[in-house]
Amino acid sequence: MQRVTRAQVSVEGEVRGKIGAGIVALIGVGCGDTQSDVDYIADKLVNLRIFEDEAGKMNLSLADTGGEVLAVSQFTLYGDARRGRRPGFSDAAPPDVAVALFDHVVARVEACGIKVSTGVFRAEMKVELVNDGPVTILLDSRKAF
């Protein structure tokens, strides 16, 4: 997740999702991920305190600031580049599983009253953002339990 002042995602030159201040969430779904994994991620996106308060401390969450989320599916987060010169993606979930869990993250965040924009699943996307801080946090549900 990246804290941003603005961001957008385009497919074939057409803007498909656009937000103001908030979070860009690059979401990779792995083999074996479940509803509890995506529930964990959705909760962190909404409630992790990465926005500054009046004193300049990271004390505010997305829920506190009224920010938005740009959620972009990204299987390449599961790229394994330990061997050879081309990453392998065998740890990424199959597309039918990944899209269902990605959509669940989006629905959970929206259910908290947060505006969510998305790209297009399995499309070649261009993501533009202005990283605020920069603040970039790696969330891994498998390291949470």
C-alpha atoms as a PDB file:
ATOM      1  CA  MET A   1       0.000   0.000   0.000  1.00  0.00           C
ATOM      2  CA  GLN A   2       1.216   3.478  -0.854  1.00  0.00           C
ATOM      3  CA  ARG A   3      -0.015   6.717   0.631  1.00  0.00           C
ATOM      4  CA  VAL A   4      -0.740   9.084  -2.255  1.00  0.00           C
ATOM      5  CA  THR A   5      -1.969  12.593  -2.926  1.00  0.00           C
ATOM      6  CA  ARG A   6      -3.571  11.364  -6.184  1.00  0.00           C
ATOM      7  CA  ALA A   7      -3.474   8.366  -8.521  1.00  0.00           C
ATOM      8  CA  GLN A   8      -5.068   6.886 -11.600  1.00  0.00           C
ATOM      9  CA  VAL A   9      -5.021   3.709 -13.648  1.00  0.00           C
ATOM     10  CA  SER A  10      -5.524   3.559 -17.416  1.00  0.00           C
ATOM     11  CA  VAL A  11      -6.218   0.726 -19.837  1.00  0.00           C
ATOM     12  CA  GLU A  12      -5.549   1.312 -23.545  1.00  0.00           C
ATOM     13  CA  GLY A  13      -5.266   5.050 -22.936  1.00  0.00           C
ATOM     14  CA  GLU A  14      -8.600   5.311 -21.094  1.00  0.00           C
ATOM     15  CA  VAL A  15      -8.644   6.247 -17.401  1.00  0.00           C
ATOM     16  CA  ARG A  16     -10.509   3.453 -15.615  1.00  0.00           C
ATOM     17  CA  GLY A  17      -9.972   4.482 -12.005  1.00  0.00           C
ATOM     18  CA  LYS A  18      -8.915   7.734 -10.368  1.00  0.00           C
ATOM     19  CA  ILE A  19      -8.598   8.934  -6.773  1.00  0.00           C
ATOM     20  CA  GLY A  20      -7.528  11.973  -4.800  1.00  0.00           C
ATOM     21  CA  ALA A  21      -5.695  11.613  -1.494  1.00  0.00           C
ATOM     22  CA  GLY A  22      -5.644   8.103  -0.104  1.00  0.00           C
ATOM     23  CA  ILE A  23      -4.026   4.746  -0.774  1.00  0.00           C
ATOM     24  CA  VAL A  24      -2.942   2.861  -3.861  1.00  0.00           C
ATOM     25  CA  ALA A  25      -3.236  -0.825  -3.039  1.00  0.00           C
ATOM     26  CA  LEU A  26      -1.318  -3.158  -5.347  1.00  0.00           C
ATOM     27  CA  ILE A  27      -2.975  -6.478  -4.512  1.00  0.00           C
ATOM     28  CA  GLY A  28      -1.484  -9.868  -5.266  1.00  0.00           C
ATOM     29  CA  VAL A  29      -3.453 -13.017  -4.491  1.00  0.00           C
ATOM     30  CA  GLY A  30      -1.453 -16.142  -3.814  1.00  0.00           C
ATOM     31  CA  CYS A  31      -2.189 -19.846  -3.984  1.00  0.00           C
ATOM     32  CA  GLY A  32      -3.887 -20.825  -0.761  1.00  0.00           C
ATOM     33  CA  ASP A  33      -5.207 -17.369   0.094  1.00  0.00           C
ATOM     34  CA  THR A  34      -8.647 -17.415   1.712  1.00  0.00           C
ATOM     35  CA  GLN A  35     -11.391 -15.052   2.833  1.00  0.00           C
ATOM     36  CA  SER A  36      -9.520 -14.499   6.111  1.00  0.00           C
ATOM     37  CA  ASP A  37      -6.436 -13.301   4.202  1.00  0.00           C
ATOM     38  CA  VAL A  38      -8.378 -10.724   2.251  1.00  0.00           C
ATOM     39  CA  ASP A  39     -10.388  -9.685   5.316  1.00  0.00           C
ATOM     40  CA  TYR A  40      -7.070  -8.970   7.046  1.00  0.00           C
ATOM     41  CA  ILE A  41      -5.856  -6.895   4.097  1.00  0.00           C
ATOM     42  CA  ALA A  42      -9.131  -4.944   3.827  1.00  0.00           C
ATOM     43  CA  ASP A  43      -9.057  -4.153   7.545  1.00  0.00           C
ATOM     44  CA  LYS A  44      -5.463  -2.902   7.324  1.00  0.00           C
ATOM     45  CA  LEU A  45      -6.219  -0.734   4.274  1.00  0.00           C
ATOM     46  CA  VAL A  46      -9.048   0.988   6.120  1.00  0.00           C
ATOM     47  CA  ASN A  47      -7.591   1.195   9.631  1.00  0.00           C
ATOM     48  CA  LEU A  48      -3.785   1.332   9.474  1.00  0.00           C
ATOM     49  CA  ARG A  49      -2.678   4.710  10.818  1.00  0.00           C
ATOM     50  CA  ILE A  50      -0.366   6.024   8.089  1.00  0.00           C
ATOM     51  CA  PHE A  51      -1.748   9.549   7.673  1.00  0.00           C
ATOM     52  CA  GLU A  52      -0.408  12.496   9.642  1.00  0.00           C
ATOM     53  CA  ASP A  53      -2.373  14.319  12.300  1.00  0.00           C
ATOM     54  CA  GLU A  54      -2.031  18.043  13.162  1.00  0.00           C
ATOM     55  CA  ALA A  55       1.242  17.310  15.004  1.00  0.00           C
ATOM     56  CA  GLY A  56       2.785  15.548  11.995  1.00  0.00           C
ATOM     57  CA  LYS A  57       2.543  12.069  13.571  1.00  0.00           C
ATOM     58  CA  MET A  58       1.155   9.090  11.652  1.00  0.00           C
ATOM     59  CA  ASN A  59      -1.943   8.747  13.841  1.00  0.00           C
ATOM     60  CA  LEU A  60      -4.799   8.783  11.340  1.00  0.00           C
ATOM     61  CA  SER A  61      -6.267   6.013   9.212  1.00  0.00           C
ATOM     62  CA  LEU A  62      -7.988   6.123   5.855  1.00  0.00           C
ATOM     63  CA  ALA A  63     -11.287   5.896   7.744  1.00  0.00           C
ATOM     64  CA  ASP A  64     -10.290   8.962   9.786  1.00  0.00           C
ATOM     65  CA  THR A  65      -9.236  11.081   6.796  1.00  0.00           C
ATOM     66  CA  GLY A  66     -12.025  10.211   4.356  1.00  0.00           C
ATOM     67  CA  GLY A  67      -9.433   9.197   1.771  1.00  0.00           C
ATOM     68  CA  GLU A  68      -9.965   6.915  -1.181  1.00  0.00           C
ATOM     69  CA  VAL A  69      -8.448   3.656  -2.438  1.00  0.00           C
ATOM     70  CA  LEU A  70      -7.196   2.780  -5.891  1.00  0.00           C
ATOM     71  CA  ALA A  71      -7.044  -1.031  -5.902  1.00  0.00           C
ATOM     72  CA  VAL A  72      -4.984  -2.648  -8.650  1.00  0.00           C
ATOM     73  CA  SER A  73      -4.659  -6.404  -9.086  1.00  0.00           C
ATOM     74  CA  GLN A  74      -1.019  -7.364  -9.549  1.00  0.00           C
ATOM     75  CA  PHE A  75      -0.047 -11.030  -9.795  1.00  0.00           C
ATOM     76  CA  THR A  76       3.587 -10.023 -10.406  1.00  0.00           C
ATOM     77  CA  LEU A  77       3.912  -9.414  -6.664  1.00  0.00           C
ATOM     78  CA  TYR A  78       4.273 -13.189  -6.508  1.00  0.00           C
ATOM     79  CA  GLY A  79       7.203 -13.186  -8.939  1.00  0.00           C
ATOM     80  CA  ASP A  80       9.987 -15.500  -7.760  1.00  0.00           C
ATOM     81  CA  ALA A  81      13.311 -14.292  -9.153  1.00  0.00           C
ATOM     82  CA  ARG A  82      15.633 -16.408  -7.022  1.00  0.00           C
ATOM     83  CA  ARG A  83      16.703 -18.578  -9.963  1.00  0.00           C
ATOM     84  CA  GLY A  84      17.404 -17.765 -13.571  1.00  0.00           C
ATOM     85  CA  ARG A  85      16.745 -14.485 -15.284  1.00  0.00           C
ATOM     86  CA  ARG A  86      12.987 -14.639 -15.655  1.00  0.00           C
ATOM     87  CA  PRO A  87      10.645 -14.592 -12.643  1.00  0.00           C
ATOM     88  CA  GLY A  88       8.277 -17.480 -12.095  1.00  0.00           C
ATOM     89  CA  PHE A  89       4.703 -16.879 -11.022  1.00  0.00           C
ATOM     90  CA  SER A  90       3.623 -20.327  -9.838  1.00  0.00           C
ATOM     91  CA  ASP A  91       2.813 -18.973  -6.362  1.00  0.00           C
ATOM     92  CA  ALA A  92       0.160 -16.596  -7.765  1.00  0.00           C
ATOM     93  CA  ALA A  93      -3.428 -17.808  -7.494  1.00  0.00           C
ATOM     94  CA  PRO A  94      -5.223 -18.879 -10.681  1.00  0.00           C
ATOM     95  CA  PRO A  95      -7.177 -15.993 -12.268  1.00  0.00           C
ATOM     96  CA  ASP A  96     -10.639 -17.278 -11.293  1.00  0.00           C
ATOM     97  CA  VAL A  97      -9.631 -17.534  -7.638  1.00  0.00           C
ATOM     98  CA  ALA A  98      -7.679 -14.270  -7.669  1.00  0.00           C
ATOM     99  CA  VAL A  99     -10.483 -12.162  -9.152  1.00  0.00           C
ATOM    100  CA  ALA A 100     -12.988 -13.428  -6.560  1.00  0.00           C
ATOM    101  CA  LEU A 101     -10.677 -12.617  -3.655  1.00  0.00           C
ATOM    102  CA  PHE A 102      -9.648  -9.267  -5.169  1.00  0.00           C
ATOM    103  CA  ASP A 103     -13.330  -8.346  -5.552  1.00  0.00           C
ATOM    104  CA  HIS A 104     -13.882  -9.358  -1.920  1.00  0.00           C
ATOM    105  CA  VAL A 105     -11.187  -6.910  -0.749  1.00  0.00           C
ATOM    106  CA  VAL A 106     -12.850  -4.140  -2.758  1.00  0.00           C
ATOM    107  CA  ALA A 107     -16.301  -4.971  -1.357  1.00  0.00           C
ATOM    108  CA  ARG A 108     -15.026  -5.082   2.244  1.00  0.00           C
ATOM    109  CA  VAL A 109     -13.321  -1.687   1.924  1.00  0.00           C
ATOM    110  CA  GLU A 110     -16.417  -0.163   0.276  1.00  0.00           C
ATOM    111  CA  ALA A 111     -18.585  -1.583   3.080  1.00  0.00           C
ATOM    112  CA  CYS A 112     -16.584   0.631   5.456  1.00  0.00           C
ATOM    113  CA  GLY A 113     -17.738   3.700   3.547  1.00  0.00           C
ATOM    114  CA  ILE A 114     -14.498   4.156   1.605  1.00  0.00           C
ATOM    115  CA  LYS A 115     -14.643   5.085  -2.095  1.00  0.00           C
ATOM    116  CA  VAL A 116     -12.731   2.486  -4.118  1.00  0.00           C
ATOM    117  CA  SER A 117     -11.671   2.736  -7.750  1.00  0.00           C
ATOM    118  CA  THR A 118     -10.063  -0.158  -9.610  1.00  0.00           C
ATOM    119  CA  GLY A 119      -8.245  -1.070 -12.743  1.00  0.00           C
ATOM    120  CA  VAL A 120      -9.314  -3.938 -14.994  1.00  0.00           C
ATOM    121  CA  PHE A 121      -8.450  -7.453 -13.856  1.00  0.00           C
ATOM    122  CA  ARG A 122      -5.911  -9.181 -16.161  1.00  0.00           C
ATOM    123  CA  ALA A 123      -5.524  -6.078 -18.346  1.00  0.00           C
ATOM    124  CA  GLU A 124      -2.293  -4.308 -19.237  1.00  0.00           C
ATOM    125  CA  MET A 125      -2.570  -1.227 -17.007  1.00  0.00           C
ATOM    126  CA  LYS A 126      -0.679   2.028 -16.618  1.00  0.00           C
ATOM    127  CA  VAL A 127      -0.659   3.261 -13.024  1.00  0.00           C
ATOM    128  CA  GLU A 128       0.247   6.861 -12.254  1.00  0.00           C
ATOM    129  CA  LEU A 129       0.586   8.102  -8.700  1.00  0.00           C
ATOM    130  CA  VAL A 130       2.091  10.755  -6.521  1.00  0.00           C
ATOM    131  CA  ASN A 131       3.492   8.928  -3.504  1.00  0.00           C
ATOM    132  CA  ASP A 132       2.986  11.064  -0.396  1.00  0.00           C
ATOM    133  CA  GLY A 133       5.975  10.972   1.933  1.00  0.00           C
ATOM    134  CA  PRO A 134       6.877   8.614   0.372  1.00  0.00           C
ATOM    135  CA  VAL A 135       5.037   6.128   2.545  1.00  0.00           C
ATOM    136  CA  THR A 136       4.917   2.554   1.278  1.00  0.00           C
ATOM    137  CA  ILE A 137       3.918  -0.342   3.548  1.00  0.00           C
ATOM    138  CA  LEU A 138       4.136  -4.040   2.671  1.00  0.00           C
ATOM    139  CA  LEU A 139       1.175  -6.017   3.990  1.00  0.00           C
ATOM    140  CA  ASP A 140       1.429  -9.803   3.980  1.00  0.00           C
ATOM    141  CA  SER A 141      -1.485 -11.667   5.529  1.00  0.00           C
ATOM    142  CA  ARG A 142       0.607 -14.830   5.799  1.00  0.00           C
ATOM    143  CA  LYS A 143       2.970 -13.093   8.205  1.00  0.00           C
ATOM    144  CA  ALA A 144       0.078 -11.843  10.338  1.00  0.00           C
ATOM    145  CA  PHE A 145      -1.034 -15.094  11.917  1.00  0.00           C
END
